[in-house]
Amino acid sequence: EAFAFDGSGTIGREYRLYSRELVARFGHHLALNWNLGEENTQTTAQQREMAATWTEFDPYRHHIVIHTYPDQQAAIYQPLLGNANVTGASVQTDADTVHR
């Protein structure tokens, strides 16, 4: 969903409440991924903070993934490698580039 309600990408009280409510409502489902945003343009620090928020609220420890533009995958995914709160990538690419 939205990064933050003011458009800045900063995690505030409203975003934390919204995240907690989503986990409370849907977290019991199996095979659930929390996707931290479509075409995510936040800074790495903001992405890490958002992932930590979802990890804090989700007692079931579902996968936390992030999505970005196809031409920005290296710039977004590489700084998040090794972050225990981001457990995967949500990848969208062209069919002809899948096996490159």
C-alpha atoms as a PDB file:
ATOM      1  CA  GLU A   1       0.000   0.000   0.000  1.00  0.00           C
ATOM      2  CA  ALA A   2       1.017   3.639   0.348  1.00  0.00           C
ATOM      3  CA  PHE A   3       4.417   4.464   1.824  1.00  0.00           C
ATOM      4  CA  ALA A   4       3.066   7.179   4.066  1.00  0.00           C
ATOM      5  CA  PHE A   5      -0.084   9.161   4.113  1.00  0.00           C
ATOM      6  CA  ASP A   6       1.648  12.483   3.514  1.00  0.00           C
ATOM      7  CA  GLY A   7       3.573  11.254   0.431  1.00  0.00           C
ATOM      8  CA  SER A   8       7.000  11.761   2.010  1.00  0.00           C
ATOM      9  CA  GLY A   9       7.828   8.090   2.488  1.00  0.00           C
ATOM     10  CA  THR A  10       8.317   8.673   6.207  1.00  0.00           C
ATOM     11  CA  ILE A  11       6.736   6.231   8.645  1.00  0.00           C
ATOM     12  CA  GLY A  12       4.430   8.028  11.026  1.00  0.00           C
ATOM     13  CA  ARG A  13       1.828   7.140  13.608  1.00  0.00           C
ATOM     14  CA  GLU A  14      -0.935   6.702  11.019  1.00  0.00           C
ATOM     15  CA  TYR A  15       1.161   4.339   8.888  1.00  0.00           C
ATOM     16  CA  ARG A  16       2.050   2.238  11.934  1.00  0.00           C
ATOM     17  CA  LEU A  17      -1.628   2.006  12.883  1.00  0.00           C
ATOM     18  CA  TYR A  18      -2.585   1.115   9.294  1.00  0.00           C
ATOM     19  CA  SER A  19       0.102  -1.601   9.149  1.00  0.00           C
ATOM     20  CA  ARG A  20      -0.934  -3.069  12.476  1.00  0.00           C
ATOM     21  CA  GLU A  21      -4.577  -3.165  11.375  1.00  0.00           C
ATOM     22  CA  LEU A  22      -3.702  -4.995   8.135  1.00  0.00           C
ATOM     23  CA  VAL A  23      -1.707  -7.588  10.054  1.00  0.00           C
ATOM     24  CA  ALA A  24      -4.541  -8.021  12.567  1.00  0.00           C
ATOM     25  CA  ARG A  25      -7.111  -8.448   9.815  1.00  0.00           C
ATOM     26  CA  PHE A  26      -5.209 -10.606   7.308  1.00  0.00           C
ATOM     27  CA  GLY A  27      -2.140 -11.982   9.096  1.00  0.00           C
ATOM     28  CA  HIS A  28      -3.740 -15.336   9.926  1.00  0.00           C
ATOM     29  CA  HIS A  29      -3.833 -16.322   6.243  1.00  0.00           C
ATOM     30  CA  LEU A  30      -1.260 -18.828   5.037  1.00  0.00           C
ATOM     31  CA  ALA A  31       1.222 -18.086   2.242  1.00  0.00           C
ATOM     32  CA  LEU A  32       0.895 -14.328   2.636  1.00  0.00           C
ATOM     33  CA  ASN A  33       3.507 -11.821   1.448  1.00  0.00           C
ATOM     34  CA  TRP A  34       3.593  -8.242   2.676  1.00  0.00           C
ATOM     35  CA  ASN A  35       4.611  -6.188  -0.354  1.00  0.00           C
ATOM     36  CA  LEU A  36       6.187  -2.902   0.752  1.00  0.00           C
ATOM     37  CA  GLY A  37       5.153  -1.031  -2.337  1.00  0.00           C
ATOM     38  CA  GLU A  38       4.689  -1.087  -6.047  1.00  0.00           C
ATOM     39  CA  GLU A  39       7.330   0.894  -7.914  1.00  0.00           C
ATOM     40  CA  ASN A  40       8.924   1.767  -4.598  1.00  0.00           C
ATOM     41  CA  THR A  41      10.964   5.002  -4.639  1.00  0.00           C
ATOM     42  CA  GLN A  42      11.749   5.367  -0.948  1.00  0.00           C
ATOM     43  CA  THR A  43      15.275   5.674   0.369  1.00  0.00           C
ATOM     44  CA  THR A  44      16.994   2.534   1.646  1.00  0.00           C
ATOM     45  CA  ALA A  45      16.640   3.819   5.226  1.00  0.00           C
ATOM     46  CA  GLN A  46      12.893   4.309   4.762  1.00  0.00           C
ATOM     47  CA  GLN A  47      12.528   0.845   3.228  1.00  0.00           C
ATOM     48  CA  ARG A  48      14.391  -0.725   6.152  1.00  0.00           C
ATOM     49  CA  GLU A  49      12.245   1.171   8.640  1.00  0.00           C
ATOM     50  CA  MET A  50       9.068   0.044   6.903  1.00  0.00           C
ATOM     51  CA  ALA A  51      10.233  -3.596   6.852  1.00  0.00           C
ATOM     52  CA  ALA A  52      11.080  -3.384  10.566  1.00  0.00           C
ATOM     53  CA  THR A  53       7.569  -2.068  11.252  1.00  0.00           C
ATOM     54  CA  TRP A  54       5.953  -5.028   9.500  1.00  0.00           C
ATOM     55  CA  THR A  55       8.296  -7.487  11.238  1.00  0.00           C
ATOM     56  CA  GLU A  56       7.369  -5.957  14.584  1.00  0.00           C
ATOM     57  CA  PHE A  57       3.622  -6.331  13.981  1.00  0.00           C
ATOM     58  CA  ASP A  58       3.472  -9.724  12.238  1.00  0.00           C
ATOM     59  CA  PRO A  59       3.633 -12.572  14.779  1.00  0.00           C
ATOM     60  CA  TYR A  60       3.348 -15.113  11.933  1.00  0.00           C
ATOM     61  CA  ARG A  61       6.574 -13.913  10.249  1.00  0.00           C
ATOM     62  CA  HIS A  62       5.235 -13.813   6.691  1.00  0.00           C
ATOM     63  CA  HIS A  63       7.572 -12.878   3.874  1.00  0.00           C
ATOM     64  CA  ILE A  64       8.224  -9.157   3.498  1.00  0.00           C
ATOM     65  CA  VAL A  65       9.021  -8.237  -0.087  1.00  0.00           C
ATOM     66  CA  ILE A  66       9.611  -5.043  -2.014  1.00  0.00           C
ATOM     67  CA  HIS A  67       8.868  -4.138  -5.620  1.00  0.00           C
ATOM     68  CA  THR A  68      10.453  -1.531  -7.832  1.00  0.00           C
ATOM     69  CA  TYR A  69      10.732  -0.480 -11.453  1.00  0.00           C
ATOM     70  CA  PRO A  70      12.423  -3.081 -13.714  1.00  0.00           C
ATOM     71  CA  ASP A  71      15.315  -0.731 -14.530  1.00  0.00           C
ATOM     72  CA  GLN A  72      15.978   0.063 -10.843  1.00  0.00           C
ATOM     73  CA  GLN A  73      16.217  -3.450  -9.418  1.00  0.00           C
ATOM     74  CA  ALA A  74      19.974  -3.382  -8.713  1.00  0.00           C
ATOM     75  CA  ALA A  75      19.771   0.055  -7.087  1.00  0.00           C
ATOM     76  CA  ILE A  76      16.882  -0.949  -4.813  1.00  0.00           C
ATOM     77  CA  TYR A  77      17.569  -4.618  -4.027  1.00  0.00           C
ATOM     78  CA  GLN A  78      21.353  -4.634  -3.490  1.00  0.00           C
ATOM     79  CA  PRO A  79      21.377  -2.229  -0.504  1.00  0.00           C
ATOM     80  CA  LEU A  80      18.738  -4.422   1.173  1.00  0.00           C
ATOM     81  CA  LEU A  81      20.732  -7.660   0.875  1.00  0.00           C
ATOM     82  CA  GLY A  82      21.397  -9.058   4.313  1.00  0.00           C
ATOM     83  CA  ASN A  83      18.543  -7.149   5.944  1.00  0.00           C
ATOM     84  CA  ALA A  84      16.736  -9.753   8.042  1.00  0.00           C
ATOM     85  CA  ASN A  85      13.423  -7.895   7.774  1.00  0.00           C
ATOM     86  CA  VAL A  86      13.262  -7.971   3.953  1.00  0.00           C
ATOM     87  CA  THR A  87      12.904 -11.615   2.996  1.00  0.00           C
ATOM     88  CA  GLY A  88      12.423 -11.343  -0.762  1.00  0.00           C
ATOM     89  CA  ALA A  89      11.904  -9.345  -3.902  1.00  0.00           C
ATOM     90  CA  SER A  90       8.739  -8.856  -5.892  1.00  0.00           C
ATOM     91  CA  VAL A  91      10.112  -8.925  -9.430  1.00  0.00           C
ATOM     92  CA  GLN A  92       8.417  -7.678 -12.562  1.00  0.00           C
ATOM     93  CA  THR A  93      10.300  -7.902 -15.824  1.00  0.00           C
ATOM     94  CA  ASP A  94       9.877  -8.475 -19.528  1.00  0.00           C
ATOM     95  CA  ALA A  95       9.537 -12.085 -20.697  1.00  0.00           C
ATOM     96  CA  ASP A  96      12.644 -11.785 -22.894  1.00  0.00           C
ATOM     97  CA  THR A  97      14.876 -10.778 -19.951  1.00  0.00           C
ATOM     98  CA  VAL A  98      13.910 -13.527 -17.511  1.00  0.00           C
ATOM     99  CA  HIS A  99      16.805 -15.837 -18.341  1.00  0.00           C
ATOM    100  CA  ARG A 100      19.592 -13.282 -18.771  1.00  0.00           C
END
